[in-house]
């Protein structure tokens, strides 16, 4: 198997401030770009990002993963926790447009690169977000356990996904900010019930503590790697893997 080398990427989008938690990029340059990296019909705003990966890191296969959900649910914080292993607290400043970060995981001896797209949750950026759905191999839908409306809006996000994304896209539901026990308004059982209704894996996460963040991305990477390689005799069930790992870690995996 030939190995490819990652190159430093530029992201399409930024935050409207340098606030670390709710915004991602810090660049202010402009240009044009498309989800696939090629020029397409309408020009889109592109901002350089500080998010990049070492050019010396090799990978075997690559997939695009999108984080979607209402503004303020913590998509950027989850991404930063996964990529950098840190929680960057700060005032809420929403992501503008699209930004991305790369991370290479070793999945059963295979170097899997995840290019993770952090999307803006505000309505005015939806047309930009829609353009990226079709290239996504996996979509992580996030809601905030302290915000009931973000949970109620998951249905609307699913409607968009069914309209714009690939038919076989990998889906997962994440209830974020699980560490905020005193402010919780959405019960874990509600998330489980919704995920069961939609037929998707579910777990609660916390960018602050790291709860299940690594597990969520690793599970998705395993599923994508399995679909891509389809080795004889190899079986992988995403839902079973998630249930097993969460049970083994007592639902507190970081």
C-alpha atoms as a PDB file:
ATOM      1  CA  UNK A   1       0.000   0.000   0.000  1.00  0.00           C
ATOM      2  CA  UNK A   2       1.502   3.300  -1.021  1.00  0.00           C
ATOM      3  CA  UNK A   3       1.525   6.027   1.545  1.00  0.00           C
ATOM      4  CA  UNK A   4       0.651   9.620   0.876  1.00  0.00           C
ATOM      5  CA  UNK A   5       2.081  12.584   2.667  1.00  0.00           C
ATOM      6  CA  UNK A   6      -0.103  15.221   4.211  1.00  0.00           C
ATOM      7  CA  UNK A   7       0.361  18.778   3.120  1.00  0.00           C
ATOM      8  CA  UNK A   8      -0.392  21.924   5.010  1.00  0.00           C
ATOM      9  CA  UNK A   9      -3.995  22.848   4.413  1.00  0.00           C
ATOM     10  CA  UNK A  10      -5.875  26.095   4.184  1.00  0.00           C
ATOM     11  CA  UNK A  11      -9.369  26.348   5.520  1.00  0.00           C
ATOM     12  CA  UNK A  12     -12.373  28.037   4.020  1.00  0.00           C
ATOM     13  CA  UNK A  13     -13.662  30.125   6.867  1.00  0.00           C
ATOM     14  CA  UNK A  14     -12.601  31.642  10.143  1.00  0.00           C
ATOM     15  CA  UNK A  15     -13.978  32.935  13.366  1.00  0.00           C
ATOM     16  CA  UNK A  16     -15.095  36.499  13.692  1.00  0.00           C
ATOM     17  CA  UNK A  17     -12.613  36.871  16.542  1.00  0.00           C
ATOM     18  CA  UNK A  18      -9.609  35.060  17.942  1.00  0.00           C
ATOM     19  CA  UNK A  19     -11.732  33.553  20.709  1.00  0.00           C
ATOM     20  CA  UNK A  20     -10.504  29.957  20.989  1.00  0.00           C
ATOM     21  CA  UNK A  21     -13.641  28.077  21.978  1.00  0.00           C
ATOM     22  CA  UNK A  22     -16.419  29.022  19.617  1.00  0.00           C
ATOM     23  CA  UNK A  23     -14.335  30.211  16.674  1.00  0.00           C
ATOM     24  CA  UNK A  24     -11.678  28.227  14.881  1.00  0.00           C
ATOM     25  CA  UNK A  25      -9.462  30.042  12.438  1.00  0.00           C
ATOM     26  CA  UNK A  26      -7.868  33.444  12.892  1.00  0.00           C
ATOM     27  CA  UNK A  27      -7.058  34.418   9.326  1.00  0.00           C
ATOM     28  CA  UNK A  28      -8.633  37.335   7.512  1.00  0.00           C
ATOM     29  CA  UNK A  29      -7.480  36.869   3.939  1.00  0.00           C
ATOM     30  CA  UNK A  30      -9.955  36.269   1.118  1.00  0.00           C
ATOM     31  CA  UNK A  31     -10.006  34.194  -2.018  1.00  0.00           C
ATOM     32  CA  UNK A  32     -12.112  31.562  -3.720  1.00  0.00           C
ATOM     33  CA  UNK A  33     -12.450  27.875  -3.195  1.00  0.00           C
ATOM     34  CA  UNK A  34     -14.730  24.850  -3.182  1.00  0.00           C
ATOM     35  CA  UNK A  35     -15.228  21.848  -0.907  1.00  0.00           C
ATOM     36  CA  UNK A  36     -13.198  19.598  -3.165  1.00  0.00           C
ATOM     37  CA  UNK A  37     -10.376  22.069  -3.534  1.00  0.00           C
ATOM     38  CA  UNK A  38     -11.249  22.864  -7.157  1.00  0.00           C
ATOM     39  CA  UNK A  39     -12.778  26.055  -8.486  1.00  0.00           C
ATOM     40  CA  UNK A  40     -16.527  25.771  -8.941  1.00  0.00           C
ATOM     41  CA  UNK A  41     -19.272  28.011 -10.284  1.00  0.00           C
ATOM     42  CA  UNK A  42     -19.769  30.484  -7.447  1.00  0.00           C
ATOM     43  CA  UNK A  43     -16.720  31.967  -5.757  1.00  0.00           C
ATOM     44  CA  UNK A  44     -16.634  31.409  -2.018  1.00  0.00           C
ATOM     45  CA  UNK A  45     -14.750  33.278   0.655  1.00  0.00           C
ATOM     46  CA  UNK A  46     -11.630  31.476   1.803  1.00  0.00           C
ATOM     47  CA  UNK A  47      -9.558  32.437   4.816  1.00  0.00           C
ATOM     48  CA  UNK A  48      -6.122  31.073   5.665  1.00  0.00           C
ATOM     49  CA  UNK A  49      -6.096  29.104   8.892  1.00  0.00           C
ATOM     50  CA  UNK A  50      -3.526  28.377  11.526  1.00  0.00           C
ATOM     51  CA  UNK A  51      -4.843  24.807  11.571  1.00  0.00           C
ATOM     52  CA  UNK A  52      -2.428  22.543   9.734  1.00  0.00           C
ATOM     53  CA  UNK A  53      -0.693  19.230  10.117  1.00  0.00           C
ATOM     54  CA  UNK A  54       2.976  18.415   9.840  1.00  0.00           C
ATOM     55  CA  UNK A  55       3.963  17.841   6.222  1.00  0.00           C
ATOM     56  CA  UNK A  56       6.059  14.868   7.349  1.00  0.00           C
ATOM     57  CA  UNK A  57       3.064  12.830   8.526  1.00  0.00           C
ATOM     58  CA  UNK A  58       2.084  10.018   6.181  1.00  0.00           C
ATOM     59  CA  UNK A  59      -1.304   8.389   5.686  1.00  0.00           C
ATOM     60  CA  UNK A  60      -2.791   5.509   3.716  1.00  0.00           C
ATOM     61  CA  UNK A  61      -6.382   6.629   3.249  1.00  0.00           C
ATOM     62  CA  UNK A  62      -8.182   9.909   3.813  1.00  0.00           C
ATOM     63  CA  UNK A  63     -11.774  10.858   4.674  1.00  0.00           C
ATOM     64  CA  UNK A  64     -13.740  14.061   5.188  1.00  0.00           C
ATOM     65  CA  UNK A  65     -15.755  14.430   8.380  1.00  0.00           C
ATOM     66  CA  UNK A  66     -18.160  17.305   9.060  1.00  0.00           C
ATOM     67  CA  UNK A  67     -19.359  18.646  12.390  1.00  0.00           C
ATOM     68  CA  UNK A  68     -22.867  20.083  12.167  1.00  0.00           C
ATOM     69  CA  UNK A  69     -25.318  21.531  14.653  1.00  0.00           C
ATOM     70  CA  UNK A  70     -26.665  24.806  15.967  1.00  0.00           C
ATOM     71  CA  UNK A  71     -24.367  27.709  16.741  1.00  0.00           C
ATOM     72  CA  UNK A  72     -22.904  27.448  20.236  1.00  0.00           C
ATOM     73  CA  UNK A  73     -23.170  23.674  20.729  1.00  0.00           C
ATOM     74  CA  UNK A  74     -19.372  23.388  20.948  1.00  0.00           C
ATOM     75  CA  UNK A  75     -18.370  22.027  17.537  1.00  0.00           C
ATOM     76  CA  UNK A  76     -15.118  23.984  17.468  1.00  0.00           C
ATOM     77  CA  UNK A  77     -14.246  23.034  21.037  1.00  0.00           C
ATOM     78  CA  UNK A  78     -14.776  19.346  20.251  1.00  0.00           C
ATOM     79  CA  UNK A  79     -12.531  19.671  17.204  1.00  0.00           C
ATOM     80  CA  UNK A  80      -9.782  21.440  19.166  1.00  0.00           C
ATOM     81  CA  UNK A  81     -10.022  18.844  21.954  1.00  0.00           C
ATOM     82  CA  UNK A  82      -9.627  16.018  19.427  1.00  0.00           C
ATOM     83  CA  UNK A  83      -6.853  17.627  17.398  1.00  0.00           C
ATOM     84  CA  UNK A  84      -4.822  19.288  20.156  1.00  0.00           C
ATOM     85  CA  UNK A  85      -6.015  17.534  23.329  1.00  0.00           C
ATOM     86  CA  UNK A  86      -6.903  20.860  24.896  1.00  0.00           C
ATOM     87  CA  UNK A  87      -9.909  22.860  25.978  1.00  0.00           C
ATOM     88  CA  UNK A  88      -9.661  26.494  25.010  1.00  0.00           C
ATOM     89  CA  UNK A  89     -12.072  28.439  27.162  1.00  0.00           C
ATOM     90  CA  UNK A  90     -13.172  31.902  26.180  1.00  0.00           C
ATOM     91  CA  UNK A  91     -16.049  34.144  25.220  1.00  0.00           C
ATOM     92  CA  UNK A  92     -18.476  32.761  22.680  1.00  0.00           C
ATOM     93  CA  UNK A  93     -17.637  33.893  19.159  1.00  0.00           C
ATOM     94  CA  UNK A  94     -19.247  31.861  16.410  1.00  0.00           C
ATOM     95  CA  UNK A  95     -17.417  30.256  13.505  1.00  0.00           C
ATOM     96  CA  UNK A  96     -17.766  32.119  10.212  1.00  0.00           C
ATOM     97  CA  UNK A  97     -18.201  29.891   7.158  1.00  0.00           C
ATOM     98  CA  UNK A  98     -16.060  26.727   7.241  1.00  0.00           C
ATOM     99  CA  UNK A  99     -12.730  25.770   8.777  1.00  0.00           C
ATOM    100  CA  UNK A 100     -10.906  22.464   9.035  1.00  0.00           C
ATOM    101  CA  UNK A 101      -8.167  20.549  10.802  1.00  0.00           C
ATOM    102  CA  UNK A 102      -6.404  17.287   9.968  1.00  0.00           C
ATOM    103  CA  UNK A 103      -5.461  14.392  12.194  1.00  0.00           C
ATOM    104  CA  UNK A 104      -3.960  11.021  11.301  1.00  0.00           C
ATOM    105  CA  UNK A 105      -5.062   8.004  13.356  1.00  0.00           C
ATOM    106  CA  UNK A 106      -3.541   4.537  13.429  1.00  0.00           C
ATOM    107  CA  UNK A 107      -6.527   2.237  12.893  1.00  0.00           C
ATOM    108  CA  UNK A 108      -5.548  -1.429  13.045  1.00  0.00           C
ATOM    109  CA  UNK A 109      -2.179  -0.665  11.453  1.00  0.00           C
ATOM    110  CA  UNK A 110      -3.628   1.608   8.769  1.00  0.00           C
ATOM    111  CA  UNK A 111      -2.864   5.340   8.798  1.00  0.00           C
ATOM    112  CA  UNK A 112      -6.242   7.039   8.428  1.00  0.00           C
ATOM    113  CA  UNK A 113      -6.294  10.793   7.882  1.00  0.00           C
ATOM    114  CA  UNK A 114      -9.444  12.595   8.970  1.00  0.00           C
ATOM    115  CA  UNK A 115      -9.969  16.012   7.448  1.00  0.00           C
ATOM    116  CA  UNK A 116     -12.503  17.464   9.875  1.00  0.00           C
ATOM    117  CA  UNK A 117     -14.651  20.366   8.755  1.00  0.00           C
ATOM    118  CA  UNK A 118     -16.026  22.724  11.392  1.00  0.00           C
ATOM    119  CA  UNK A 119     -19.186  24.380  10.071  1.00  0.00           C
ATOM    120  CA  UNK A 120     -21.025  27.545  11.046  1.00  0.00           C
ATOM    121  CA  UNK A 121     -24.356  26.848  12.719  1.00  0.00           C
ATOM    122  CA  UNK A 122     -26.028  30.158  11.909  1.00  0.00           C
ATOM    123  CA  UNK A 123     -28.771  30.223   9.297  1.00  0.00           C
ATOM    124  CA  UNK A 124     -26.998  32.817   7.136  1.00  0.00           C
ATOM    125  CA  UNK A 125     -24.123  30.408   6.466  1.00  0.00           C
ATOM    126  CA  UNK A 126     -26.275  27.407   5.557  1.00  0.00           C
ATOM    127  CA  UNK A 127     -25.817  27.857   1.801  1.00  0.00           C
ATOM    128  CA  UNK A 128     -22.051  27.564   2.281  1.00  0.00           C
ATOM    129  CA  UNK A 129     -22.440  24.524   4.528  1.00  0.00           C
ATOM    130  CA  UNK A 130     -24.722  22.792   2.018  1.00  0.00           C
ATOM    131  CA  UNK A 131     -21.971  22.872  -0.603  1.00  0.00           C
ATOM    132  CA  UNK A 132     -19.736  20.772   1.627  1.00  0.00           C
ATOM    133  CA  UNK A 133     -22.251  18.055   2.500  1.00  0.00           C
ATOM    134  CA  UNK A 134     -21.825  16.174  -0.768  1.00  0.00           C
ATOM    135  CA  UNK A 135     -18.094  15.595  -0.191  1.00  0.00           C
ATOM    136  CA  UNK A 136     -18.448  14.413   3.418  1.00  0.00           C
ATOM    137  CA  UNK A 137     -17.829  10.763   4.246  1.00  0.00           C
ATOM    138  CA  UNK A 138     -19.151  11.188   7.784  1.00  0.00           C
ATOM    139  CA  UNK A 139     -21.284  13.707   9.649  1.00  0.00           C
ATOM    140  CA  UNK A 140     -21.273  14.209  13.409  1.00  0.00           C
ATOM    141  CA  UNK A 141     -24.473  15.951  14.548  1.00  0.00           C
ATOM    142  CA  UNK A 142     -24.005  17.866  17.796  1.00  0.00           C
ATOM    143  CA  UNK A 143     -26.455  19.336  20.245  1.00  0.00           C
ATOM    144  CA  UNK A 144     -25.886  21.039  23.596  1.00  0.00           C
ATOM    145  CA  UNK A 145     -27.335  19.188  26.602  1.00  0.00           C
ATOM    146  CA  UNK A 146     -27.888  22.579  28.263  1.00  0.00           C
ATOM    147  CA  UNK A 147     -29.848  23.951  25.297  1.00  0.00           C
ATOM    148  CA  UNK A 148     -33.179  22.276  24.475  1.00  0.00           C
ATOM    149  CA  UNK A 149     -33.647  24.078  21.154  1.00  0.00           C
ATOM    150  CA  UNK A 150     -30.322  22.723  19.840  1.00  0.00           C
ATOM    151  CA  UNK A 151     -31.630  19.231  20.611  1.00  0.00           C
ATOM    152  CA  UNK A 152     -35.005  19.909  18.983  1.00  0.00           C
ATOM    153  CA  UNK A 153     -33.249  21.215  15.854  1.00  0.00           C
ATOM    154  CA  UNK A 154     -31.424  17.932  15.191  1.00  0.00           C
ATOM    155  CA  UNK A 155     -34.432  16.888  13.104  1.00  0.00           C
ATOM    156  CA  UNK A 156     -33.899  19.933  10.865  1.00  0.00           C
ATOM    157  CA  UNK A 157     -30.203  19.103  10.497  1.00  0.00           C
ATOM    158  CA  UNK A 158     -31.091  15.545   9.516  1.00  0.00           C
ATOM    159  CA  UNK A 159     -33.481  16.855   6.879  1.00  0.00           C
ATOM    160  CA  UNK A 160     -30.651  18.902   5.368  1.00  0.00           C
ATOM    161  CA  UNK A 161     -28.299  15.934   5.504  1.00  0.00           C
ATOM    162  CA  UNK A 162     -30.762  13.709   3.671  1.00  0.00           C
ATOM    163  CA  UNK A 163     -31.185  16.403   1.038  1.00  0.00           C
ATOM    164  CA  UNK A 164     -27.558  17.320   0.394  1.00  0.00           C
ATOM    165  CA  UNK A 165     -25.257  14.558   1.679  1.00  0.00           C
ATOM    166  CA  UNK A 166     -24.261  11.229   0.128  1.00  0.00           C
ATOM    167  CA  UNK A 167     -26.765   8.454   0.653  1.00  0.00           C
ATOM    168  CA  UNK A 168     -24.275   6.215   2.471  1.00  0.00           C
ATOM    169  CA  UNK A 169     -22.712   8.913   4.666  1.00  0.00           C
ATOM    170  CA  UNK A 170     -21.772   7.750   8.180  1.00  0.00           C
ATOM    171  CA  UNK A 171     -23.859   9.498  10.851  1.00  0.00           C
ATOM    172  CA  UNK A 172     -23.399   9.882  14.596  1.00  0.00           C
ATOM    173  CA  UNK A 173     -25.298  11.909  17.208  1.00  0.00           C
ATOM    174  CA  UNK A 174     -23.358  13.631  19.990  1.00  0.00           C
ATOM    175  CA  UNK A 175     -24.823  15.320  23.077  1.00  0.00           C
ATOM    176  CA  UNK A 176     -22.090  17.805  23.970  1.00  0.00           C
ATOM    177  CA  UNK A 177     -21.278  19.696  27.206  1.00  0.00           C
ATOM    178  CA  UNK A 178     -22.075  16.628  29.310  1.00  0.00           C
ATOM    179  CA  UNK A 179     -19.867  18.032  32.074  1.00  0.00           C
ATOM    180  CA  UNK A 180     -22.394  20.831  32.737  1.00  0.00           C
ATOM    181  CA  UNK A 181     -24.463  18.714  35.106  1.00  0.00           C
ATOM    182  CA  UNK A 182     -26.149  21.621  36.916  1.00  0.00           C
ATOM    183  CA  UNK A 183     -27.261  23.279  33.670  1.00  0.00           C
ATOM    184  CA  UNK A 184     -28.437  20.142  31.882  1.00  0.00           C
ATOM    185  CA  UNK A 185     -31.937  20.306  30.352  1.00  0.00           C
ATOM    186  CA  UNK A 186     -31.695  17.366  27.911  1.00  0.00           C
ATOM    187  CA  UNK A 187     -31.535  13.967  29.580  1.00  0.00           C
ATOM    188  CA  UNK A 188     -29.191  11.288  28.302  1.00  0.00           C
ATOM    189  CA  UNK A 189     -32.223   9.055  27.765  1.00  0.00           C
ATOM    190  CA  UNK A 190     -33.696  11.672  25.407  1.00  0.00           C
ATOM    191  CA  UNK A 191     -30.568  11.542  23.265  1.00  0.00           C
ATOM    192  CA  UNK A 192     -30.586   7.752  23.249  1.00  0.00           C
ATOM    193  CA  UNK A 193     -34.248   7.712  22.240  1.00  0.00           C
ATOM    194  CA  UNK A 194     -33.669  10.188  19.395  1.00  0.00           C
ATOM    195  CA  UNK A 195     -30.649   8.251  18.108  1.00  0.00           C
ATOM    196  CA  UNK A 196     -32.639   5.016  18.177  1.00  0.00           C
ATOM    197  CA  UNK A 197     -35.432   6.705  16.221  1.00  0.00           C
ATOM    198  CA  UNK A 198     -32.957   7.801  13.545  1.00  0.00           C
ATOM    199  CA  UNK A 199     -30.955   4.575  13.652  1.00  0.00           C
ATOM    200  CA  UNK A 200     -27.612   6.241  14.415  1.00  0.00           C
ATOM    201  CA  UNK A 201     -24.953   5.681  17.116  1.00  0.00           C
ATOM    202  CA  UNK A 202     -25.090   8.060  20.084  1.00  0.00           C
ATOM    203  CA  UNK A 203     -22.858   9.205  22.888  1.00  0.00           C
ATOM    204  CA  UNK A 204     -22.507  12.202  25.142  1.00  0.00           C
ATOM    205  CA  UNK A 205     -19.293  14.202  24.929  1.00  0.00           C
ATOM    206  CA  UNK A 206     -17.488  17.002  26.716  1.00  0.00           C
ATOM    207  CA  UNK A 207     -14.831  19.148  25.090  1.00  0.00           C
ATOM    208  CA  UNK A 208     -13.920  20.446  28.545  1.00  0.00           C
ATOM    209  CA  UNK A 209     -13.180  17.051  30.137  1.00  0.00           C
ATOM    210  CA  UNK A 210     -12.491  15.118  26.933  1.00  0.00           C
ATOM    211  CA  UNK A 211     -15.358  12.699  27.608  1.00  0.00           C
ATOM    212  CA  UNK A 212     -15.807  10.373  24.607  1.00  0.00           C
ATOM    213  CA  UNK A 213     -14.300  12.866  22.128  1.00  0.00           C
ATOM    214  CA  UNK A 214     -11.494  10.548  21.006  1.00  0.00           C
ATOM    215  CA  UNK A 215     -13.903   7.616  20.945  1.00  0.00           C
ATOM    216  CA  UNK A 216     -16.343   9.400  18.629  1.00  0.00           C
ATOM    217  CA  UNK A 217     -13.727  10.148  15.976  1.00  0.00           C
ATOM    218  CA  UNK A 218     -11.984   6.783  16.343  1.00  0.00           C
ATOM    219  CA  UNK A 219     -15.283   4.932  15.880  1.00  0.00           C
ATOM    220  CA  UNK A 220     -16.054   6.917  12.733  1.00  0.00           C
ATOM    221  CA  UNK A 221     -12.519   6.320  11.393  1.00  0.00           C
ATOM    222  CA  UNK A 222     -12.885   2.576  11.994  1.00  0.00           C
ATOM    223  CA  UNK A 223     -16.206   2.487  10.157  1.00  0.00           C
ATOM    224  CA  UNK A 224     -14.851   4.449   7.179  1.00  0.00           C
ATOM    225  CA  UNK A 225     -11.697   2.341   7.027  1.00  0.00           C
ATOM    226  CA  UNK A 226     -13.792  -0.845   7.108  1.00  0.00           C
ATOM    227  CA  UNK A 227     -16.047   0.372   4.298  1.00  0.00           C
ATOM    228  CA  UNK A 228     -13.069   1.449   2.205  1.00  0.00           C
ATOM    229  CA  UNK A 229     -10.954  -1.681   2.519  1.00  0.00           C
ATOM    230  CA  UNK A 230     -13.565  -4.428   3.022  1.00  0.00           C
ATOM    231  CA  UNK A 231     -11.021  -7.072   3.908  1.00  0.00           C
ATOM    232  CA  UNK A 232     -12.259 -10.698   3.734  1.00  0.00           C
ATOM    233  CA  UNK A 233     -13.490 -12.015   7.061  1.00  0.00           C
ATOM    234  CA  UNK A 234     -13.327  -8.609   8.712  1.00  0.00           C
ATOM    235  CA  UNK A 235     -16.544  -7.493  10.364  1.00  0.00           C
ATOM    236  CA  UNK A 236     -17.176  -4.173  12.011  1.00  0.00           C
ATOM    237  CA  UNK A 237     -20.446  -2.871  13.421  1.00  0.00           C
ATOM    238  CA  UNK A 238     -20.243   0.806  14.392  1.00  0.00           C
ATOM    239  CA  UNK A 239     -23.089   0.733  16.918  1.00  0.00           C
ATOM    240  CA  UNK A 240     -21.750  -2.408  18.614  1.00  0.00           C
ATOM    241  CA  UNK A 241     -18.252  -0.948  18.812  1.00  0.00           C
ATOM    242  CA  UNK A 242     -19.518   2.274  20.394  1.00  0.00           C
ATOM    243  CA  UNK A 243     -21.662   0.392  22.927  1.00  0.00           C
ATOM    244  CA  UNK A 244     -18.804  -1.928  23.853  1.00  0.00           C
ATOM    245  CA  UNK A 245     -16.255   0.850  24.275  1.00  0.00           C
ATOM    246  CA  UNK A 246     -18.592   3.032  26.324  1.00  0.00           C
ATOM    247  CA  UNK A 247     -19.575   0.136  28.556  1.00  0.00           C
ATOM    248  CA  UNK A 248     -15.948  -0.830  29.086  1.00  0.00           C
ATOM    249  CA  UNK A 249     -14.981   2.747  29.955  1.00  0.00           C
ATOM    250  CA  UNK A 250     -18.044   3.408  32.102  1.00  0.00           C
ATOM    251  CA  UNK A 251     -19.145   6.096  29.639  1.00  0.00           C
ATOM    252  CA  UNK A 252     -16.262   8.279  30.807  1.00  0.00           C
ATOM    253  CA  UNK A 253     -13.646   7.870  28.146  1.00  0.00           C
ATOM    254  CA  UNK A 254     -11.414  10.798  27.344  1.00  0.00           C
END
